[in-house]
């Protein structure tokens, strides 16, 4: 009886191991597609409406959640991804492709995977909340063209600096006094 119990236990253990290994080999669900921010979408860090900010935005999907965390800037998106997101089950990260989107208000349908994007770092364009922005492009040639106007250098995702809080993407914003509005300078 003892030998039979031992064999049965070994068989149950082997079946459990096969089930566990099969579960590990099953492909995971595809990442959710990017979403478009609604009028009430709020940035994860600044808690302000995304619509109040110019420039590229980001979205992060975690776990089974089908609603993304929104970010007012790509810089904030990457800070989250490289710090807090490391311990989360991040399934997808999207940023606006600035080769197809306007700076004033990125158009719907311009989302690309953050991990396949090319980034201009160190440009003269500040992030929405100040500091340097990392400007994403799907096409490295478009990113290089952007640097001719705004400066900076083009790097792929895997070469981005990981210590973004201490190493911003570019120069801090200028704190010079605001210039007079253009309409006051126009001669009639």
N, C-alpha and C. Protein backbone atom coordinates (compact mmCIF):
# COMPACT_ATOMS: atom_id res chain seq x y z
N UNK A 1 0.83 -1.19 0.00
CA UNK A 1 0.00 0.00 0.00
C UNK A 1 0.87 1.25 0.00
N UNK A 2 1.94 1.21 0.72
CA UNK A 2 2.82 2.35 0.82
C UNK A 2 3.48 2.66 -0.52
N UNK A 3 3.86 1.64 -1.28
CA UNK A 3 4.46 1.84 -2.59
C UNK A 3 3.44 2.45 -3.56
N UNK A 4 2.22 1.98 -3.46
CA UNK A 4 1.14 2.51 -4.30
C UNK A 4 0.90 3.99 -3.98
N UNK A 5 0.89 4.36 -2.73
CA UNK A 5 0.69 5.75 -2.30
C UNK A 5 1.85 6.62 -2.78
N UNK A 6 3.03 6.07 -2.72
CA UNK A 6 4.22 6.80 -3.20
C UNK A 6 4.13 7.06 -4.69
N UNK A 7 3.72 6.06 -5.46
CA UNK A 7 3.59 6.23 -6.90
C UNK A 7 2.49 7.23 -7.25
N UNK A 8 1.40 7.13 -6.52
CA UNK A 8 0.29 8.06 -6.75
C UNK A 8 0.72 9.50 -6.44
N UNK A 9 1.44 9.67 -5.36
CA UNK A 9 1.95 11.00 -4.99
C UNK A 9 2.90 11.53 -6.06
N UNK A 10 3.76 10.66 -6.58
CA UNK A 10 4.71 11.06 -7.62
C UNK A 10 3.96 11.44 -8.90
N UNK A 11 2.92 10.69 -9.22
CA UNK A 11 2.13 10.99 -10.41
C UNK A 11 1.42 12.33 -10.26
N UNK A 12 0.83 12.59 -9.11
CA UNK A 12 0.15 13.87 -8.86
C UNK A 12 1.16 15.01 -8.93
N UNK A 13 2.31 14.82 -8.36
CA UNK A 13 3.36 15.85 -8.39
C UNK A 13 3.82 16.09 -9.83
N UNK A 14 3.98 15.06 -10.61
CA UNK A 14 4.40 15.22 -12.01
C UNK A 14 3.33 15.95 -12.82
N UNK A 15 2.06 15.60 -12.60
CA UNK A 15 0.98 16.30 -13.30
C UNK A 15 0.93 17.78 -12.92
N UNK A 16 1.12 18.06 -11.65
CA UNK A 16 1.12 19.45 -11.20
C UNK A 16 2.27 20.22 -11.84
N UNK A 17 3.41 19.58 -11.96
CA UNK A 17 4.57 20.22 -12.60
C UNK A 17 4.30 20.49 -14.08
N UNK A 18 3.68 19.53 -14.77
CA UNK A 18 3.35 19.71 -16.18
C UNK A 18 2.36 20.87 -16.35
N UNK A 19 1.35 20.93 -15.50
CA UNK A 19 0.37 22.02 -15.57
C UNK A 19 1.04 23.36 -15.32
N UNK A 20 1.92 23.43 -14.34
CA UNK A 20 2.61 24.68 -14.03
C UNK A 20 3.50 25.12 -15.19
N UNK A 21 4.23 24.19 -15.77
CA UNK A 21 5.10 24.53 -16.90
C UNK A 21 4.30 24.94 -18.12
N UNK A 22 3.18 24.28 -18.35
CA UNK A 22 2.32 24.64 -19.48
C UNK A 22 1.79 26.05 -19.30
N UNK A 23 1.43 26.42 -18.10
CA UNK A 23 0.92 27.77 -17.84
C UNK A 23 2.00 28.80 -18.12
N UNK A 24 3.24 28.46 -17.81
CA UNK A 24 4.34 29.40 -18.07
C UNK A 24 4.60 29.57 -19.56
N UNK A 25 4.33 28.54 -20.34
CA UNK A 25 4.61 28.59 -21.77
C UNK A 25 3.48 29.21 -22.58
N UNK A 26 2.28 29.32 -21.99
CA UNK A 26 1.17 29.90 -22.72
C UNK A 26 1.45 31.36 -23.01
N UNK A 27 1.14 31.79 -24.24
CA UNK A 27 1.38 33.21 -24.54
C UNK A 27 0.46 34.09 -23.71
N UNK A 28 1.00 35.22 -23.29
CA UNK A 28 0.19 36.15 -22.51
C UNK A 28 -0.75 36.90 -23.46
N UNK A 29 -1.75 37.48 -22.88
CA UNK A 29 -2.72 38.25 -23.68
C UNK A 29 -2.00 39.41 -24.36
N UNK A 30 -2.44 39.75 -25.56
CA UNK A 30 -1.79 40.89 -26.25
C UNK A 30 -2.01 42.18 -25.44
N UNK A 31 -1.09 43.11 -25.58
CA UNK A 31 -1.27 44.37 -24.84
C UNK A 31 -2.50 45.11 -25.35
N UNK A 32 -3.13 45.88 -24.48
CA UNK A 32 -4.28 46.66 -24.93
C UNK A 32 -3.83 47.73 -25.91
N UNK A 33 -4.70 48.10 -26.84
CA UNK A 33 -4.34 49.18 -27.77
C UNK A 33 -4.34 50.52 -27.05
N UNK A 34 -3.66 51.52 -27.60
CA UNK A 34 -3.68 52.84 -26.96
C UNK A 34 -5.09 53.41 -26.94
N UNK A 35 -5.35 54.23 -25.95
CA UNK A 35 -6.64 54.91 -25.81
C UNK A 35 -6.44 56.39 -26.13
N UNK A 36 -7.51 57.08 -26.36
CA UNK A 36 -7.47 58.54 -26.52
C UNK A 36 -7.94 59.14 -25.20
N UNK A 37 -7.24 60.16 -24.70
CA UNK A 37 -7.67 60.75 -23.43
C UNK A 37 -9.00 61.48 -23.58
N UNK A 38 -9.86 61.29 -22.63
CA UNK A 38 -11.12 62.02 -22.61
C UNK A 38 -10.91 63.41 -22.02
N UNK A 39 -11.94 64.22 -21.99
CA UNK A 39 -11.80 65.58 -21.47
C UNK A 39 -11.48 65.63 -19.97
N UNK A 40 -11.71 64.50 -19.29
CA UNK A 40 -11.44 64.48 -17.84
C UNK A 40 -10.18 63.69 -17.49
N UNK A 41 -9.34 63.35 -18.49
CA UNK A 41 -8.10 62.62 -18.24
C UNK A 41 -7.13 63.50 -17.45
N UNK A 42 -6.59 62.92 -16.38
CA UNK A 42 -5.73 63.66 -15.44
C UNK A 42 -4.35 63.02 -15.39
N UNK A 43 -3.31 63.84 -15.37
CA UNK A 43 -1.94 63.35 -15.27
C UNK A 43 -1.68 62.68 -13.94
N UNK A 44 -1.02 61.54 -13.96
CA UNK A 44 -0.75 60.74 -12.77
C UNK A 44 0.05 61.52 -11.73
N UNK A 45 1.02 62.33 -12.13
CA UNK A 45 1.87 63.04 -11.18
C UNK A 45 1.34 64.43 -10.83
N UNK A 46 0.92 65.20 -11.83
CA UNK A 46 0.54 66.59 -11.57
C UNK A 46 -0.92 66.75 -11.18
N UNK A 47 -1.74 65.74 -11.44
CA UNK A 47 -3.18 65.77 -11.11
C UNK A 47 -3.89 66.92 -11.79
N UNK A 48 -3.40 67.30 -12.97
CA UNK A 48 -4.04 68.34 -13.78
C UNK A 48 -4.57 67.69 -15.05
N UNK A 49 -5.53 68.35 -15.68
CA UNK A 49 -6.09 67.84 -16.92
C UNK A 49 -5.03 67.79 -18.02
N UNK A 50 -4.99 66.72 -18.77
CA UNK A 50 -4.04 66.61 -19.89
C UNK A 50 -4.28 67.72 -20.90
N UNK A 51 -5.54 68.10 -21.07
CA UNK A 51 -5.88 69.13 -22.06
C UNK A 51 -5.29 70.49 -21.70
N UNK A 52 -4.81 70.67 -20.48
CA UNK A 52 -4.20 71.93 -20.07
C UNK A 52 -2.73 72.02 -20.46
N UNK A 53 -2.18 70.95 -21.03
CA UNK A 53 -0.75 70.90 -21.34
C UNK A 53 -0.51 70.69 -22.83
N UNK A 54 0.50 71.37 -23.34
CA UNK A 54 0.95 71.14 -24.72
C UNK A 54 1.99 70.02 -24.72
N UNK A 55 2.34 69.58 -25.91
CA UNK A 55 3.41 68.60 -26.05
C UNK A 55 2.94 67.17 -25.95
N UNK A 56 3.89 66.23 -26.16
CA UNK A 56 3.55 64.82 -26.16
C UNK A 56 3.14 64.32 -24.78
N UNK A 57 2.27 63.35 -24.79
CA UNK A 57 1.74 62.74 -23.56
C UNK A 57 2.14 61.27 -23.53
N UNK A 58 1.79 60.60 -22.43
CA UNK A 58 2.04 59.17 -22.31
C UNK A 58 0.91 58.47 -21.59
N UNK A 59 0.83 57.17 -21.82
CA UNK A 59 -0.15 56.33 -21.12
C UNK A 59 0.48 54.98 -20.82
N UNK A 60 0.16 54.46 -19.63
CA UNK A 60 0.72 53.19 -19.17
C UNK A 60 -0.42 52.27 -18.75
N UNK A 61 -0.39 51.04 -19.25
CA UNK A 61 -1.36 50.02 -18.85
C UNK A 61 -0.67 49.04 -17.92
N UNK A 62 -1.32 48.73 -16.80
CA UNK A 62 -0.77 47.81 -15.81
C UNK A 62 -1.76 46.68 -15.54
N UNK A 63 -1.24 45.51 -15.28
CA UNK A 63 -2.06 44.37 -14.90
C UNK A 63 -3.19 44.13 -15.87
N UNK A 64 -4.36 43.84 -15.33
CA UNK A 64 -5.54 43.60 -16.16
C UNK A 64 -6.34 44.86 -16.42
N UNK A 65 -5.86 45.98 -15.90
CA UNK A 65 -6.60 47.24 -16.03
C UNK A 65 -6.65 47.67 -17.50
N UNK A 66 -7.84 47.95 -18.00
CA UNK A 66 -8.01 48.40 -19.38
C UNK A 66 -8.02 49.93 -19.48
N UNK A 67 -7.92 50.60 -18.34
CA UNK A 67 -7.85 52.06 -18.30
C UNK A 67 -6.41 52.45 -18.01
N UNK A 68 -5.81 53.26 -18.87
CA UNK A 68 -4.39 53.60 -18.65
C UNK A 68 -4.20 54.65 -17.56
N UNK A 69 -3.00 54.68 -17.04
CA UNK A 69 -2.56 55.81 -16.22
C UNK A 69 -2.11 56.85 -17.24
N UNK A 70 -2.56 58.08 -17.08
CA UNK A 70 -2.21 59.15 -18.02
C UNK A 70 -1.06 59.98 -17.47
N UNK A 71 -0.24 60.49 -18.37
CA UNK A 71 0.89 61.35 -17.99
C UNK A 71 0.90 62.58 -18.89
N UNK A 72 1.11 63.74 -18.28
CA UNK A 72 1.09 65.02 -18.99
C UNK A 72 2.29 65.22 -19.88
N UNK A 73 3.36 64.47 -19.63
CA UNK A 73 4.58 64.59 -20.42
C UNK A 73 5.18 63.20 -20.65
N UNK A 74 5.99 63.09 -21.66
CA UNK A 74 6.71 61.85 -21.89
C UNK A 74 7.76 61.67 -20.79
N UNK A 75 8.36 62.75 -20.37
CA UNK A 75 9.33 62.68 -19.27
C UNK A 75 8.69 62.03 -18.04
N UNK A 76 7.50 62.47 -17.65
CA UNK A 76 6.81 61.87 -16.49
C UNK A 76 6.50 60.40 -16.75
N UNK A 77 6.11 60.08 -17.96
CA UNK A 77 5.81 58.69 -18.32
C UNK A 77 7.02 57.81 -18.09
N UNK A 78 8.18 58.27 -18.55
CA UNK A 78 9.40 57.48 -18.43
C UNK A 78 9.92 57.44 -17.00
N UNK A 79 9.77 58.54 -16.26
CA UNK A 79 10.14 58.51 -14.84
C UNK A 79 9.34 57.41 -14.14
N UNK A 80 8.03 57.37 -14.40
CA UNK A 80 7.18 56.34 -13.81
C UNK A 80 7.66 54.95 -14.23
N UNK A 81 7.86 54.77 -15.52
CA UNK A 81 8.25 53.46 -16.04
C UNK A 81 9.56 52.98 -15.44
N UNK A 82 10.55 53.86 -15.31
CA UNK A 82 11.87 53.47 -14.84
C UNK A 82 11.98 53.41 -13.31
N UNK A 83 10.96 53.88 -12.60
CA UNK A 83 11.01 53.84 -11.13
C UNK A 83 9.85 52.99 -10.61
N UNK A 84 8.72 53.57 -10.41
CA UNK A 84 7.56 52.87 -9.84
C UNK A 84 7.13 51.71 -10.73
N UNK A 85 7.12 51.93 -12.04
CA UNK A 85 6.65 50.91 -12.97
C UNK A 85 7.48 49.65 -12.98
N UNK A 86 8.71 49.72 -12.52
CA UNK A 86 9.59 48.56 -12.49
C UNK A 86 8.98 47.46 -11.61
N UNK A 87 8.28 47.86 -10.56
CA UNK A 87 7.70 46.88 -9.63
C UNK A 87 6.26 46.53 -10.00
N UNK A 88 5.72 47.13 -11.03
CA UNK A 88 4.33 46.87 -11.43
C UNK A 88 4.31 45.93 -12.63
N UNK A 89 3.15 45.42 -12.92
CA UNK A 89 2.96 44.57 -14.09
C UNK A 89 2.59 45.46 -15.27
N UNK A 90 3.57 46.17 -15.82
CA UNK A 90 3.33 47.08 -16.94
C UNK A 90 3.17 46.24 -18.20
N UNK A 91 2.02 46.40 -18.86
CA UNK A 91 1.74 45.62 -20.07
C UNK A 91 1.97 46.41 -21.34
N UNK A 92 1.80 47.72 -21.31
CA UNK A 92 1.99 48.54 -22.50
C UNK A 92 2.25 49.98 -22.09
N UNK A 93 3.09 50.65 -22.87
CA UNK A 93 3.38 52.07 -22.67
C UNK A 93 3.34 52.73 -24.04
N UNK A 94 2.55 53.80 -24.15
CA UNK A 94 2.41 54.51 -25.41
C UNK A 94 2.74 55.99 -25.21
N UNK A 95 3.31 56.58 -26.27
CA UNK A 95 3.62 58.01 -26.29
C UNK A 95 3.18 58.56 -27.64
N UNK A 96 3.02 59.88 -27.73
CA UNK A 96 2.65 60.50 -29.00
C UNK A 96 3.84 60.56 -29.94
N UNK A 97 3.61 60.20 -31.18
CA UNK A 97 4.63 60.31 -32.23
C UNK A 97 4.63 61.75 -32.71
N UNK A 98 5.64 62.52 -32.35
CA UNK A 98 5.66 63.94 -32.68
C UNK A 98 6.07 64.20 -34.13
N UNK A 99 6.32 63.16 -34.89
CA UNK A 99 6.48 63.29 -36.33
C UNK A 99 5.13 63.38 -37.02
N UNK A 100 4.07 63.00 -36.30
CA UNK A 100 2.72 63.04 -36.85
C UNK A 100 1.77 63.89 -36.03
N UNK A 101 2.23 64.42 -34.92
CA UNK A 101 1.34 65.16 -34.01
C UNK A 101 1.80 66.61 -33.86
N UNK A 102 0.85 67.48 -33.59
CA UNK A 102 1.21 68.89 -33.35
C UNK A 102 1.60 69.06 -31.88
N UNK A 103 2.46 70.02 -31.63
CA UNK A 103 2.91 70.27 -30.26
C UNK A 103 1.78 70.85 -29.42
N UNK A 104 0.98 71.72 -30.01
CA UNK A 104 -0.09 72.39 -29.25
C UNK A 104 -1.09 71.39 -28.68
N UNK A 105 -1.48 70.42 -29.49
CA UNK A 105 -2.44 69.41 -29.03
C UNK A 105 -2.28 68.18 -29.91
N UNK A 106 -1.54 67.18 -29.41
CA UNK A 106 -1.33 65.98 -30.22
C UNK A 106 -2.67 65.36 -30.67
N UNK A 107 -2.75 65.07 -31.95
CA UNK A 107 -3.99 64.57 -32.53
C UNK A 107 -4.25 63.11 -32.14
N UNK A 108 -5.53 62.72 -32.16
CA UNK A 108 -5.86 61.30 -31.93
C UNK A 108 -5.19 60.43 -32.99
N UNK A 109 -4.85 59.22 -32.60
CA UNK A 109 -4.27 58.27 -33.54
C UNK A 109 -2.77 58.40 -33.73
N UNK A 110 -2.10 59.20 -32.90
CA UNK A 110 -0.65 59.39 -33.06
C UNK A 110 0.15 58.63 -32.00
N UNK A 111 -0.46 57.63 -31.37
CA UNK A 111 0.22 56.87 -30.32
C UNK A 111 1.13 55.81 -30.92
N UNK A 112 2.31 55.63 -30.30
CA UNK A 112 3.25 54.58 -30.67
C UNK A 112 3.77 53.94 -29.39
N UNK A 113 4.32 52.75 -29.52
CA UNK A 113 4.91 52.09 -28.36
C UNK A 113 6.13 52.88 -27.90
N UNK A 114 6.19 53.15 -26.61
CA UNK A 114 7.33 53.89 -26.06
C UNK A 114 8.64 53.12 -26.25
N UNK A 115 8.55 51.80 -26.28
CA UNK A 115 9.77 50.99 -26.37
C UNK A 115 10.35 50.90 -27.77
N UNK A 116 9.59 51.28 -28.79
CA UNK A 116 10.12 51.27 -30.15
C UNK A 116 10.39 52.68 -30.67
N UNK A 117 10.07 53.68 -29.87
CA UNK A 117 10.24 55.08 -30.29
C UNK A 117 11.70 55.49 -30.26
N UNK A 118 11.99 56.53 -31.04
CA UNK A 118 13.27 57.23 -31.01
C UNK A 118 13.00 58.54 -30.29
N UNK A 119 13.91 58.97 -29.44
CA UNK A 119 13.69 60.15 -28.60
C UNK A 119 14.73 61.23 -28.87
N UNK A 120 14.26 62.47 -28.91
CA UNK A 120 15.18 63.60 -28.93
C UNK A 120 15.31 64.05 -27.49
N UNK A 121 16.53 63.97 -26.96
CA UNK A 121 16.78 64.43 -25.59
C UNK A 121 17.68 65.65 -25.66
N UNK A 122 17.49 66.55 -24.69
CA UNK A 122 18.32 67.75 -24.62
C UNK A 122 17.91 68.83 -25.60
N UNK A 123 16.67 68.80 -26.10
CA UNK A 123 16.25 69.85 -27.04
C UNK A 123 15.86 71.11 -26.28
N UNK A 124 15.58 72.16 -27.01
CA UNK A 124 15.19 73.44 -26.40
C UNK A 124 13.72 73.48 -26.04
N UNK A 125 12.96 72.46 -26.36
CA UNK A 125 11.54 72.43 -26.05
C UNK A 125 11.34 71.89 -24.64
N UNK A 126 10.74 72.70 -23.74
CA UNK A 126 10.53 72.23 -22.37
C UNK A 126 9.30 71.32 -22.27
N UNK A 127 9.29 70.51 -21.25
CA UNK A 127 8.12 69.68 -20.94
C UNK A 127 6.98 70.58 -20.46
N UNK A 128 5.79 70.07 -20.46
CA UNK A 128 4.60 70.85 -20.08
C UNK A 128 4.73 71.46 -18.69
N UNK A 129 5.36 70.77 -17.77
CA UNK A 129 5.50 71.26 -16.41
C UNK A 129 6.88 71.86 -16.16
N UNK A 130 7.63 72.13 -17.24
CA UNK A 130 8.98 72.67 -17.11
C UNK A 130 9.99 71.54 -17.14
N UNK A 131 11.25 71.90 -17.24
CA UNK A 131 12.30 70.89 -17.34
C UNK A 131 12.38 70.37 -18.77
N UNK A 132 13.26 69.42 -18.98
CA UNK A 132 13.47 68.89 -20.32
C UNK A 132 12.44 67.84 -20.70
N UNK A 133 12.03 67.88 -21.95
CA UNK A 133 11.11 66.87 -22.46
C UNK A 133 11.87 65.90 -23.34
N UNK A 134 11.43 64.67 -23.36
CA UNK A 134 11.95 63.65 -24.25
C UNK A 134 10.93 63.53 -25.36
N UNK A 135 11.30 63.96 -26.55
CA UNK A 135 10.34 64.07 -27.65
C UNK A 135 10.40 62.80 -28.50
N UNK A 136 9.29 62.02 -28.51
CA UNK A 136 9.30 60.73 -29.20
C UNK A 136 8.91 60.81 -30.68
N UNK A 137 9.53 59.95 -31.46
CA UNK A 137 9.26 59.84 -32.90
C UNK A 137 9.27 58.35 -33.27
N UNK A 138 8.44 57.97 -34.24
CA UNK A 138 8.50 56.60 -34.75
C UNK A 138 9.61 56.47 -35.78
N UNK A 139 9.99 57.58 -36.40
CA UNK A 139 10.98 57.58 -37.48
C UNK A 139 12.24 58.34 -37.03
N UNK A 140 13.40 57.67 -37.00
CA UNK A 140 14.61 58.36 -36.56
C UNK A 140 15.00 59.53 -37.48
N UNK A 141 14.62 59.47 -38.75
CA UNK A 141 14.92 60.57 -39.67
C UNK A 141 14.11 61.81 -39.28
N UNK A 142 12.84 61.62 -38.92
CA UNK A 142 12.01 62.75 -38.46
C UNK A 142 12.58 63.32 -37.17
N UNK A 143 13.08 62.45 -36.29
CA UNK A 143 13.69 62.92 -35.04
C UNK A 143 14.94 63.75 -35.33
N UNK A 144 15.75 63.30 -36.28
CA UNK A 144 16.96 64.04 -36.64
C UNK A 144 16.60 65.39 -37.25
N UNK A 145 15.57 65.44 -38.05
CA UNK A 145 15.11 66.69 -38.65
C UNK A 145 14.67 67.66 -37.55
N UNK A 146 13.99 67.16 -36.55
CA UNK A 146 13.55 67.97 -35.40
C UNK A 146 14.75 68.62 -34.71
N UNK A 147 15.86 67.89 -34.58
CA UNK A 147 17.04 68.43 -33.89
C UNK A 147 17.66 69.61 -34.63
N UNK A 148 17.43 69.70 -35.92
CA UNK A 148 17.98 70.83 -36.69
C UNK A 148 17.33 72.15 -36.27
N UNK A 149 16.09 72.08 -35.80
CA UNK A 149 15.38 73.28 -35.34
C UNK A 149 15.52 73.49 -33.83
N UNK A 150 15.39 72.41 -33.06
CA UNK A 150 15.31 72.53 -31.60
C UNK A 150 16.52 72.00 -30.86
N UNK A 151 17.50 71.46 -31.57
CA UNK A 151 18.68 70.93 -30.91
C UNK A 151 18.40 69.57 -30.29
N UNK A 152 19.40 69.07 -29.56
CA UNK A 152 19.26 67.79 -28.89
C UNK A 152 19.93 66.68 -29.67
N UNK A 153 19.78 65.47 -29.14
CA UNK A 153 20.34 64.30 -29.81
C UNK A 153 19.29 63.20 -29.84
N UNK A 154 19.40 62.34 -30.84
CA UNK A 154 18.44 61.26 -31.05
C UNK A 154 18.99 59.97 -30.43
N UNK A 155 18.16 59.32 -29.60
CA UNK A 155 18.55 58.05 -28.99
C UNK A 155 17.36 57.09 -29.02
N UNK A 156 17.64 55.79 -29.13
CA UNK A 156 16.56 54.80 -29.02
C UNK A 156 16.17 54.61 -27.56
N UNK A 157 15.05 53.96 -27.33
CA UNK A 157 14.54 53.73 -25.98
C UNK A 157 15.59 53.11 -25.06
N UNK A 158 16.30 52.11 -25.55
CA UNK A 158 17.24 51.40 -24.68
C UNK A 158 18.48 52.22 -24.31
N UNK A 159 18.64 53.41 -24.89
CA UNK A 159 19.77 54.27 -24.52
C UNK A 159 19.33 55.50 -23.74
N UNK A 160 18.05 55.56 -23.37
CA UNK A 160 17.57 56.69 -22.56
C UNK A 160 18.20 56.63 -21.17
N UNK A 161 18.50 57.79 -20.58
CA UNK A 161 19.01 57.77 -19.20
C UNK A 161 17.92 57.24 -18.27
N UNK A 162 18.30 56.41 -17.32
CA UNK A 162 17.32 55.81 -16.40
C UNK A 162 17.13 56.63 -15.13
N UNK A 163 18.05 57.53 -14.83
CA UNK A 163 17.95 58.34 -13.61
C UNK A 163 17.37 59.71 -13.96
N UNK A 164 16.14 59.71 -14.43
CA UNK A 164 15.54 60.93 -14.98
C UNK A 164 15.27 62.02 -13.95
N UNK A 165 15.07 61.67 -12.68
CA UNK A 165 14.82 62.75 -11.71
C UNK A 165 16.09 63.57 -11.51
N UNK A 166 17.24 62.92 -11.56
CA UNK A 166 18.50 63.63 -11.39
C UNK A 166 19.11 64.06 -12.73
N UNK A 167 18.66 63.47 -13.82
CA UNK A 167 19.24 63.73 -15.12
C UNK A 167 18.13 64.11 -16.10
N UNK A 168 17.63 65.33 -16.01
CA UNK A 168 16.53 65.71 -16.88
C UNK A 168 16.91 65.63 -18.35
N UNK A 169 15.89 65.61 -19.20
CA UNK A 169 16.12 65.43 -20.62
C UNK A 169 16.72 66.64 -21.31
N UNK A 170 16.79 67.74 -20.65
CA UNK A 170 17.34 68.92 -21.30
C UNK A 170 17.50 70.04 -20.31
N UNK A 171 17.80 71.23 -20.82
CA UNK A 171 18.02 72.36 -19.93
C UNK A 171 16.72 72.76 -19.23
N UNK A 172 16.82 73.30 -18.01
CA UNK A 172 15.62 73.76 -17.32
C UNK A 172 15.01 74.94 -18.06
N UNK A 173 13.72 75.19 -17.85
CA UNK A 173 13.09 76.30 -18.56
C UNK A 173 13.70 77.62 -18.12
N UNK A 174 13.62 78.60 -19.00
CA UNK A 174 14.14 79.92 -18.69
C UNK A 174 13.17 80.62 -17.73
N UNK A 175 13.70 81.29 -16.75
CA UNK A 175 12.86 82.03 -15.83
C UNK A 175 12.94 83.53 -16.08
N UNK A 176 13.32 83.89 -17.32
CA UNK A 176 13.38 85.30 -17.71
C UNK A 176 11.96 85.88 -17.70
N UNK A 177 11.84 87.19 -17.45
CA UNK A 177 10.51 87.79 -17.47
C UNK A 177 9.82 87.57 -18.82
N UNK A 178 8.53 87.37 -18.76
CA UNK A 178 7.76 87.14 -19.99
C UNK A 178 7.84 88.37 -20.89
N UNK A 179 7.88 88.10 -22.19
CA UNK A 179 7.89 89.20 -23.15
C UNK A 179 6.49 89.77 -23.27
N UNK A 180 6.43 90.98 -23.78
CA UNK A 180 5.12 91.58 -24.00
C UNK A 180 4.37 90.77 -25.04
N UNK A 181 3.04 90.70 -24.94
CA UNK A 181 2.27 89.98 -25.95
C UNK A 181 2.53 90.57 -27.34
N UNK A 182 2.52 89.69 -28.34
CA UNK A 182 2.81 90.09 -29.70
C UNK A 182 1.86 91.18 -30.18
N UNK A 183 0.58 91.10 -29.82
CA UNK A 183 -0.39 92.08 -30.31
C UNK A 183 -0.07 93.49 -29.84
N UNK A 184 0.66 93.63 -28.72
CA UNK A 184 1.04 94.95 -28.24
C UNK A 184 2.24 95.50 -29.01
N UNK A 185 2.98 94.63 -29.68
CA UNK A 185 4.20 95.04 -30.38
C UNK A 185 3.92 95.38 -31.84
N UNK A 186 2.78 95.01 -32.36
CA UNK A 186 2.46 95.23 -33.76
C UNK A 186 2.14 96.72 -33.98
N UNK A 187 2.79 97.29 -34.98
CA UNK A 187 2.51 98.70 -35.28
C UNK A 187 1.34 98.76 -36.23
N UNK A 188 0.47 99.72 -36.02
CA UNK A 188 -0.72 99.85 -36.88
C UNK A 188 -0.52 100.92 -37.90
